[in-house]
C-alpha atoms as a PDB file:
ATOM      1  CA  MET A   1       0.820 -17.152  -5.251  1.00  0.00           C
ATOM      2  CA  ARG A   2      -1.740 -14.937  -3.690  1.00  0.00           C
ATOM      3  CA  ILE A   3       0.296 -14.475  -0.816  1.00  0.00           C
ATOM      4  CA  LEU A   4       3.274 -13.405  -2.893  1.00  0.00           C
ATOM      5  CA  THR A   5       1.257 -10.735  -5.012  1.00  0.00           C
ATOM      6  CA  ILE A   6      -0.694  -9.815  -1.133  1.00  0.00           C
ATOM      7  CA  SER A   7       2.876  -9.498  -0.240  1.00  0.00           C
ATOM      8  CA  ALA A   8       4.297  -7.386  -2.728  1.00  0.00           C
ATOM      9  CA  ALA A   9       1.672  -4.978  -2.869  1.00  0.00           C
ATOM     10  CA  LEU A  10       1.979  -4.661   0.775  1.00  0.00           C
ATOM     11  CA  ALA A  11       6.191  -3.828   0.406  1.00  0.00           C
ATOM     12  CA  ALA A  12       5.160  -1.488  -2.554  1.00  0.00           C
ATOM     13  CA  THR A  13       2.923   0.504  -0.995  1.00  0.00           C
ATOM     14  CA  LEU A  14       5.059   0.669   2.517  1.00  0.00           C
ATOM     15  CA  GLY A  15       8.166   2.044   0.186  1.00  0.00           C
ATOM     16  CA  LEU A  16       5.888   4.210  -2.134  1.00  0.00           C
ATOM     17  CA  ALA A  17       3.136   5.724   0.194  1.00  0.00           C
ATOM     18  CA  ALA A  18       4.637   5.947   3.488  1.00  0.00           C
ATOM     19  CA  CYS A  19       5.605   9.442   3.881  1.00  0.00           C
ATOM     20  CA  GLU A  20       2.609  11.437   1.439  1.00  0.00           C
ATOM     21  CA  GLY A  21       0.922  13.396   3.848  1.00  0.00           C
ATOM     22  CA  THR A  22      -2.668  12.567   5.743  1.00  0.00           C
ATOM     23  CA  ASP A  23      -3.846   9.036   6.447  1.00  0.00           C
ATOM     24  CA  ILE A  24      -6.346   9.584   4.008  1.00  0.00           C
ATOM     25  CA  GLU A  25      -4.270  10.592   1.048  1.00  0.00           C
ATOM     26  CA  ARG A  26      -2.027   7.539   1.904  1.00  0.00           C
ATOM     27  CA  GLY A  27      -5.095   5.240   2.132  1.00  0.00           C
ATOM     28  CA  VAL A  28      -5.706   6.338  -1.488  1.00  0.00           C
ATOM     29  CA  ILE A  29      -2.297   6.146  -3.256  1.00  0.00           C
ATOM     30  CA  GLY A  30      -1.940   2.774  -1.352  1.00  0.00           C
ATOM     31  CA  ALA A  31      -5.457   0.957  -3.099  1.00  0.00           C
ATOM     32  CA  GLY A  32      -4.045   2.705  -6.160  1.00  0.00           C
ATOM     33  CA  ILE A  33      -0.891   0.350  -5.888  1.00  0.00           C
ATOM     34  CA  GLY A  34      -2.680  -2.440  -4.903  1.00  0.00           C
ATOM     35  CA  ALA A  35      -5.566  -2.565  -7.593  1.00  0.00           C
ATOM     36  CA  ALA A  36      -2.596  -2.157 -10.063  1.00  0.00           C
ATOM     37  CA  GLY A  37      -0.541  -4.569  -8.528  1.00  0.00           C
ATOM     38  CA  ALA A  38      -3.494  -7.649  -8.212  1.00  0.00           C
ATOM     39  CA  ALA A  39      -4.663  -6.384 -11.930  1.00  0.00           C
ATOM     40  CA  ALA A  40      -0.988  -6.906 -13.464  1.00  0.00           C
ATOM     41  CA  THR A  41      -0.932 -10.204 -11.421  1.00  0.00           C
ATOM     42  CA  GLY A  42      -4.016 -11.635 -12.701  1.00  0.00           C
ATOM     43  CA  GLY A  43      -5.475 -11.328  -8.737  1.00  0.00           C
ATOM     44  CA  ASN A  44      -8.727  -9.778  -7.373  1.00  0.00           C
ATOM     45  CA  VAL A  45      -8.431  -6.004  -8.175  1.00  0.00           C
ATOM     46  CA  ALA A  46     -11.045  -4.786  -4.560  1.00  0.00           C
ATOM     47  CA  ALA A  47      -8.682  -7.095  -2.849  1.00  0.00           C
ATOM     48  CA  GLY A  48      -5.801  -5.706  -3.896  1.00  0.00           C
ATOM     49  CA  ALA A  49      -6.983  -2.338  -3.443  1.00  0.00           C
ATOM     50  CA  ALA A  50      -8.522  -2.372   0.234  1.00  0.00           C
ATOM     51  CA  VAL A  51      -5.062  -4.674   1.230  1.00  0.00           C
ATOM     52  CA  GLY A  52      -2.720  -1.605   0.058  1.00  0.00           C
ATOM     53  CA  GLY A  53      -5.289   0.974   0.823  1.00  0.00           C
ATOM     54  CA  ALA A  54      -5.155  -0.680   4.489  1.00  0.00           C
ATOM     55  CA  ALA A  55      -1.174  -0.440   4.119  1.00  0.00           C
ATOM     56  CA  GLY A  56      -0.846   2.674   2.726  1.00  0.00           C
ATOM     57  CA  VAL A  57      -3.129   4.042   6.009  1.00  0.00           C
ATOM     58  CA  VAL A  58      -1.018   2.453   8.414  1.00  0.00           C
ATOM     59  CA  CYS A  59       2.460   2.406   6.968  1.00  0.00           C
ATOM     60  CA  ASP A  60       3.618   5.711   8.973  1.00  0.00           C
ATOM     61  CA  ASP A  61       3.167   4.068  11.975  1.00  0.00           C
ATOM     62  CA  VAL A  62       4.575   1.087  11.150  1.00  0.00           C
ATOM     63  CA  THR A  63       7.271   2.304  10.001  1.00  0.00           C
ATOM     64  CA  PRO A  64       8.399   5.652  11.494  1.00  0.00           C
ATOM     65  CA  GLU A  65      11.825   6.033  11.141  1.00  0.00           C
ATOM     66  CA  VAL A  66      11.166   6.020   6.996  1.00  0.00           C
ATOM     67  CA  CYS A  67       9.091   9.584   7.722  1.00  0.00           C
ATOM     68  CA  ARG A  68      11.606  11.642   9.331  1.00  0.00           C
ATOM     69  CA  ASN A  69       9.852  15.192  10.585  1.00  0.00           C
ATOM     70  CA  ARG A  70      10.760  16.633   6.946  1.00  0.00           C
END
């Protein structure tokens, strides 16, 4: 169940934060999404925030085709 929760938080972070401005902005958005997802599923909120934040920071590097020059 924990892997499913983390995977869902990662997918949501990549999808929602991929095209936001800077790495810091994406990291904050990702941390919020990860924390909310963990809280909603009864998981560890701090771990969800950490995973979501990390995913938010690197999402534009992992999925550059999603964020074409706007």
